Amino acid sequence: QVQLVESGGGLVQPGGSLRLSCVGSGMIFSINTMGWYRQAPGKQRELVARISGSGTTVYADSVKGRFTISRDNAKNTVYLQMNSLIPEDTAVYYCNYWMYWGRGTQVTVSS
């Protein structure tokens, strides 16, 4: 069965950086589009970024220029490098593949 396991969240000050990781199993990782979503309290889950099997990327306008999605197919891992974090980035971040979701990792940006 498909499993997605996120890691790397935490508490960071505004302007700081974090790198999230998501390891996938039970799937042919290298050919599939992988995505990062986030959900803040009281808000709907929203797309942050996604990357296709060929490496094509899409970003939400709110994170363009600050976040970078990448993948290492040899490790079945997708990353989200988050720089210049702002309080509005505070949310639970979820890894996604098709209909499957990880359990999420909390990112809190606060001084």
Protein backbone atom coordinates (compact mmCIF):
# COMPACT_ATOMS: atom_id res chain seq x y z
CA GLN A 1 0.00 0.00 0.00
CA VAL A 2 1.05 3.57 -0.57
CA GLN A 3 2.62 5.36 2.37
CA LEU A 4 3.86 8.93 2.56
CA VAL A 5 5.86 10.03 5.59
CA GLU A 6 6.73 13.67 6.14
CA SER A 7 9.42 15.11 8.37
CA GLY A 8 11.27 18.35 8.96
CA GLY A 9 8.65 20.63 10.43
CA GLY A 10 9.16 22.74 13.51
CA LEU A 11 9.22 26.20 15.01
CA VAL A 12 11.21 28.86 13.18
CA GLN A 13 11.52 32.62 13.45
CA PRO A 14 10.33 34.88 10.65
CA GLY A 15 12.95 35.03 7.93
CA GLY A 16 14.20 31.57 8.76
CA SER A 17 14.32 28.39 6.73
CA LEU A 18 13.14 24.80 6.97
CA ARG A 19 13.38 21.81 4.69
CA LEU A 20 10.57 19.31 4.63
CA SER A 21 11.02 15.76 3.38
CA CYS A 22 8.50 13.17 2.28
CA VAL A 23 9.43 9.55 1.71
CA GLY A 24 7.06 7.54 -0.45
CA SER A 25 6.64 3.78 -0.60
CA GLY A 26 4.33 1.31 -2.27
CA MET A 27 4.34 3.19 -5.56
CA ILE A 28 6.47 3.75 -8.63
CA PHE A 29 7.83 6.98 -7.21
CA SER A 30 9.92 8.23 -10.09
CA ILE A 31 7.12 8.65 -12.64
CA ASN A 32 4.52 10.27 -10.44
CA THR A 33 3.64 13.84 -9.66
CA MET A 34 4.22 14.64 -6.01
CA GLY A 35 2.82 17.63 -4.19
CA TRP A 36 3.04 19.61 -0.99
CA TYR A 37 -0.14 21.11 0.44
CA ARG A 38 -0.78 23.03 3.62
CA GLN A 39 -3.70 23.75 5.88
CA ALA A 40 -3.79 26.57 8.37
CA PRO A 41 -6.30 26.65 11.25
CA GLY A 42 -9.74 27.58 9.98
CA LYS A 43 -8.65 27.50 6.35
CA GLN A 44 -8.97 25.06 3.48
CA ARG A 45 -6.10 22.89 2.42
CA GLU A 46 -4.20 24.54 -0.41
CA LEU A 47 -1.56 23.56 -2.91
CA VAL A 48 1.91 24.85 -2.08
CA ALA A 49 3.93 23.20 -4.85
CA ARG A 50 4.04 20.10 -7.00
CA ILE A 51 6.63 18.41 -9.16
CA SER A 52 6.05 16.00 -12.02
CA GLY A 53 8.03 12.87 -12.72
CA SER A 54 9.98 14.83 -15.35
CA GLY A 55 10.74 17.63 -12.91
CA THR A 56 8.22 20.25 -14.01
CA THR A 57 7.24 22.39 -11.05
CA VAL A 58 4.23 24.48 -10.10
CA TYR A 59 4.06 26.88 -7.16
CA ALA A 60 1.37 28.82 -5.39
CA ASP A 61 1.80 32.55 -5.96
CA SER A 62 2.23 33.09 -2.24
CA VAL A 63 5.43 31.00 -2.11
CA LYS A 64 7.05 31.75 -5.47
CA GLY A 65 10.64 32.84 -5.04
CA ARG A 66 10.77 31.59 -1.45
CA PHE A 67 10.03 27.84 -1.65
CA THR A 68 11.63 25.20 -3.84
CA ILE A 69 10.28 21.72 -4.46
CA SER A 70 12.66 18.99 -5.58
CA ARG A 71 12.87 15.23 -5.70
CA ASP A 72 15.43 12.47 -5.36
CA ASN A 73 13.99 9.45 -7.11
CA ALA A 74 16.81 7.22 -5.90
CA LYS A 75 15.62 7.89 -2.35
CA ASN A 76 11.89 8.01 -3.14
CA THR A 77 11.89 11.42 -1.52
CA VAL A 78 10.40 14.79 -2.35
CA TYR A 79 11.63 17.92 -0.58
CA LEU A 80 10.27 21.37 0.10
CA GLN A 81 12.94 23.95 0.86
CA MET A 82 11.27 26.91 2.55
CA ASN A 83 13.19 30.17 2.86
CA SER A 84 12.22 33.64 4.06
CA LEU A 85 9.43 32.17 6.11
CA ILE A 86 6.65 34.46 7.30
CA PRO A 87 3.98 33.92 9.96
CA GLU A 88 1.41 33.33 7.22
CA ASP A 89 3.30 30.15 6.29
CA THR A 90 2.25 28.60 9.60
CA ALA A 91 0.27 25.47 8.82
CA VAL A 92 0.32 21.71 8.76
CA TYR A 93 2.13 20.65 5.61
CA TYR A 94 1.03 17.50 3.82
CA CYS A 95 2.71 15.39 1.18
CA ASN A 96 0.42 14.20 -1.59
CA TYR A 97 0.42 11.61 -4.37
CA TRP A 98 -2.81 11.16 -6.31
CA MET A 99 -5.40 10.24 -3.68
CA TYR A 100 -2.91 9.56 -0.93
CA TRP A 101 -1.83 11.86 1.86
CA GLY A 102 0.77 11.80 4.57
CA ARG A 103 -0.12 12.60 8.15
CA GLY A 104 1.38 16.05 7.94
CA THR A 105 4.11 17.98 9.69
CA GLN A 106 3.56 21.18 11.63
CA VAL A 107 5.38 24.34 10.58
CA THR A 108 5.13 27.31 12.92
CA VAL A 109 6.68 30.65 12.06
CA SER A 110 6.78 32.89 15.08
CA SER A 111 9.11 35.13 17.02
